[in-house]
C-alpha cells in the first residue's frame, strides 16, 4: 500500500492531467495531486488511485490547466472534498466525473 497521501495517479487521471497541462507544468501538477490530493484527504481512508478519481478529476476540472487554480482546488479538497465535488458539478451523481474529459 502506498504511503499516506502518496497514492499514484490512475491512467484516467493522468490522461486528463496531460490534456489540461502544458508539458512544463505536468510534473508539478502530478506532484500536487499525488502528495496533496491522495489518501491523506479527510474521509479518504485507504482509498486507491481509482477511488480517488472523482476528487482528483474535480480538482483538475476546476484548475482549467492553471497550476495556481489546481493548488486552490487541492486546498479545498483538503478542507472538505464534498465542496470541491459540488463546485466541479460532481456532487449529485457519483459517476458524473467518469464522463468528464477536458475539451
C-alpha atoms as a PDB file:
ATOM      1  CA  UNK A   1       0.000   0.000   0.000  1.00  0.00           C
ATOM      2  CA  UNK A   2       1.339   3.494  -0.824  1.00  0.00           C
ATOM      3  CA  UNK A   3       2.391   5.871   1.932  1.00  0.00           C
ATOM      4  CA  UNK A   4      -0.480   8.012   3.242  1.00  0.00           C
ATOM      5  CA  UNK A   5      -1.092  10.814   0.793  1.00  0.00           C
ATOM      6  CA  UNK A   6       1.238   9.410  -1.834  1.00  0.00           C
ATOM      7  CA  UNK A   7      -1.215   7.440  -3.903  1.00  0.00           C
ATOM      8  CA  UNK A   8      -0.198   7.276  -7.590  1.00  0.00           C
ATOM      9  CA  UNK A   9      -2.383   8.643 -10.358  1.00  0.00           C
ATOM     10  CA  UNK A  10      -4.610   6.289 -12.299  1.00  0.00           C
ATOM     11  CA  UNK A  11      -4.239   6.111 -16.063  1.00  0.00           C
ATOM     12  CA  UNK A  12      -7.515   8.023 -16.489  1.00  0.00           C
ATOM     13  CA  UNK A  13      -6.352  10.783 -14.125  1.00  0.00           C
ATOM     14  CA  UNK A  14      -3.015  11.050 -15.918  1.00  0.00           C
ATOM     15  CA  UNK A  15      -4.773  11.338 -19.306  1.00  0.00           C
ATOM     16  CA  UNK A  16      -6.868  14.234 -18.067  1.00  0.00           C
ATOM     17  CA  UNK A  17      -3.880  15.932 -16.467  1.00  0.00           C
ATOM     18  CA  UNK A  18      -1.898  15.639 -19.704  1.00  0.00           C
ATOM     19  CA  UNK A  19      -4.822  17.038 -21.713  1.00  0.00           C
ATOM     20  CA  UNK A  20      -5.060  20.081 -19.420  1.00  0.00           C
ATOM     21  CA  UNK A  21      -1.494  20.995 -18.508  1.00  0.00           C
ATOM     22  CA  UNK A  22       1.374  22.017 -20.732  1.00  0.00           C
ATOM     23  CA  UNK A  23       4.412  19.743 -20.587  1.00  0.00           C
ATOM     24  CA  UNK A  24       6.487  22.070 -18.332  1.00  0.00           C
ATOM     25  CA  UNK A  25       3.698  22.121 -15.709  1.00  0.00           C
ATOM     26  CA  UNK A  26       2.796  18.436 -15.686  1.00  0.00           C
ATOM     27  CA  UNK A  27       5.370  17.326 -13.133  1.00  0.00           C
ATOM     28  CA  UNK A  28       4.222  19.903 -10.570  1.00  0.00           C
ATOM     29  CA  UNK A  29       0.554  19.158 -11.283  1.00  0.00           C
ATOM     30  CA  UNK A  30       1.235  15.450 -10.776  1.00  0.00           C
ATOM     31  CA  UNK A  31       3.039  16.150  -7.509  1.00  0.00           C
ATOM     32  CA  UNK A  32       0.151  18.306  -6.247  1.00  0.00           C
ATOM     33  CA  UNK A  33      -2.339  15.504  -6.878  1.00  0.00           C
ATOM     34  CA  UNK A  34      -0.151  12.672  -5.580  1.00  0.00           C
ATOM     35  CA  UNK A  35       1.001  14.409  -2.401  1.00  0.00           C
ATOM     36  CA  UNK A  36      -1.870  16.779  -1.650  1.00  0.00           C
ATOM     37  CA  UNK A  37      -4.939  15.071  -3.047  1.00  0.00           C
ATOM     38  CA  UNK A  38      -4.432  11.446  -2.133  1.00  0.00           C
ATOM     39  CA  UNK A  39      -5.499   9.066   0.578  1.00  0.00           C
ATOM     40  CA  UNK A  40      -4.488  11.725   3.104  1.00  0.00           C
ATOM     41  CA  UNK A  41      -7.701  13.669   2.449  1.00  0.00           C
ATOM     42  CA  UNK A  42     -10.337  13.719   5.188  1.00  0.00           C
ATOM     43  CA  UNK A  43     -12.579  10.643   4.985  1.00  0.00           C
ATOM     44  CA  UNK A  44     -10.448   9.038   2.236  1.00  0.00           C
ATOM     45  CA  UNK A  45      -9.134   6.251   4.446  1.00  0.00           C
ATOM     46  CA  UNK A  46      -7.270   3.671   2.387  1.00  0.00           C
ATOM     47  CA  UNK A  47      -8.538   4.898  -0.987  1.00  0.00           C
ATOM     48  CA  UNK A  48      -6.590   3.785  -4.027  1.00  0.00           C
ATOM     49  CA  UNK A  49      -5.893   5.682  -7.243  1.00  0.00           C
ATOM     50  CA  UNK A  50      -9.230   4.605  -8.730  1.00  0.00           C
ATOM     51  CA  UNK A  51     -11.315   5.565  -5.710  1.00  0.00           C
ATOM     52  CA  UNK A  52      -9.617   8.990  -5.720  1.00  0.00           C
ATOM     53  CA  UNK A  53     -10.504   9.722  -9.349  1.00  0.00           C
ATOM     54  CA  UNK A  54     -13.708  11.598  -8.528  1.00  0.00           C
ATOM     55  CA  UNK A  55     -11.917  14.104  -6.282  1.00  0.00           C
ATOM     56  CA  UNK A  56      -8.843  14.351  -8.493  1.00  0.00           C
ATOM     57  CA  UNK A  57     -10.938  14.869 -11.644  1.00  0.00           C
ATOM     58  CA  UNK A  58     -12.843  17.621  -9.797  1.00  0.00           C
ATOM     59  CA  UNK A  59      -9.576  19.357  -8.877  1.00  0.00           C
ATOM     60  CA  UNK A  60      -8.354  19.065 -12.457  1.00  0.00           C
ATOM     61  CA  UNK A  61     -11.638  20.357 -13.863  1.00  0.00           C
ATOM     62  CA  UNK A  62     -11.610  23.411 -11.608  1.00  0.00           C
ATOM     63  CA  UNK A  63      -7.962  24.092 -12.410  1.00  0.00           C
ATOM     64  CA  UNK A  64      -8.570  24.647 -16.095  1.00  0.00           C
ATOM     65  CA  UNK A  65      -4.922  23.722 -16.617  1.00  0.00           C
ATOM     66  CA  UNK A  66      -3.592  26.512 -14.371  1.00  0.00           C
ATOM     67  CA  UNK A  67      -1.269  25.453 -11.539  1.00  0.00           C
ATOM     68  CA  UNK A  68      -2.393  28.186  -9.117  1.00  0.00           C
ATOM     69  CA  UNK A  69      -6.012  27.098  -9.578  1.00  0.00           C
ATOM     70  CA  UNK A  70      -5.023  23.461  -9.084  1.00  0.00           C
ATOM     71  CA  UNK A  71      -3.347  24.432  -5.792  1.00  0.00           C
ATOM     72  CA  UNK A  72      -6.594  26.156  -4.712  1.00  0.00           C
ATOM     73  CA  UNK A  73      -8.653  23.103  -5.684  1.00  0.00           C
ATOM     74  CA  UNK A  74      -6.328  20.782  -3.739  1.00  0.00           C
ATOM     75  CA  UNK A  75      -6.579  23.056  -0.681  1.00  0.00           C
ATOM     76  CA  UNK A  76     -10.366  22.908  -0.956  1.00  0.00           C
ATOM     77  CA  UNK A  77     -10.210  19.094  -1.155  1.00  0.00           C
ATOM     78  CA  UNK A  78      -8.043  19.058   1.965  1.00  0.00           C
ATOM     79  CA  UNK A  79     -10.650  21.123   3.815  1.00  0.00           C
ATOM     80  CA  UNK A  80     -13.777  19.374   2.515  1.00  0.00           C
ATOM     81  CA  UNK A  81     -13.724  17.293  -0.657  1.00  0.00           C
ATOM     82  CA  UNK A  82     -17.517  17.493  -0.852  1.00  0.00           C
ATOM     83  CA  UNK A  83     -17.289  21.236  -1.537  1.00  0.00           C
ATOM     84  CA  UNK A  84     -14.814  20.520  -4.323  1.00  0.00           C
ATOM     85  CA  UNK A  85     -17.127  17.917  -5.857  1.00  0.00           C
ATOM     86  CA  UNK A  86     -20.088  20.312  -5.791  1.00  0.00           C
ATOM     87  CA  UNK A  87     -18.024  23.138  -7.313  1.00  0.00           C
ATOM     88  CA  UNK A  88     -16.970  20.848 -10.180  1.00  0.00           C
ATOM     89  CA  UNK A  89     -20.515  19.618 -10.803  1.00  0.00           C
ATOM     90  CA  UNK A  90     -19.778  16.129  -9.484  1.00  0.00           C
ATOM     91  CA  UNK A  91     -21.703  16.442  -6.222  1.00  0.00           C
ATOM     92  CA  UNK A  92     -25.056  14.948  -7.174  1.00  0.00           C
ATOM     93  CA  UNK A  93     -24.007  11.958  -9.253  1.00  0.00           C
ATOM     94  CA  UNK A  94     -21.222   9.629  -8.112  1.00  0.00           C
ATOM     95  CA  UNK A  95     -20.493   8.749 -11.759  1.00  0.00           C
ATOM     96  CA  UNK A  96     -20.615  12.256 -13.298  1.00  0.00           C
ATOM     97  CA  UNK A  97     -16.819  12.530 -13.225  1.00  0.00           C
ATOM     98  CA  UNK A  98     -16.481   9.496 -15.480  1.00  0.00           C
ATOM     99  CA  UNK A  99     -17.970  11.390 -18.425  1.00  0.00           C
ATOM    100  CA  UNK A 100     -15.774  14.470 -17.973  1.00  0.00           C
ATOM    101  CA  UNK A 101     -12.767  14.963 -20.191  1.00  0.00           C
ATOM    102  CA  UNK A 102     -11.131  18.319 -20.909  1.00  0.00           C
ATOM    103  CA  UNK A 103     -12.117  19.553 -24.307  1.00  0.00           C
END
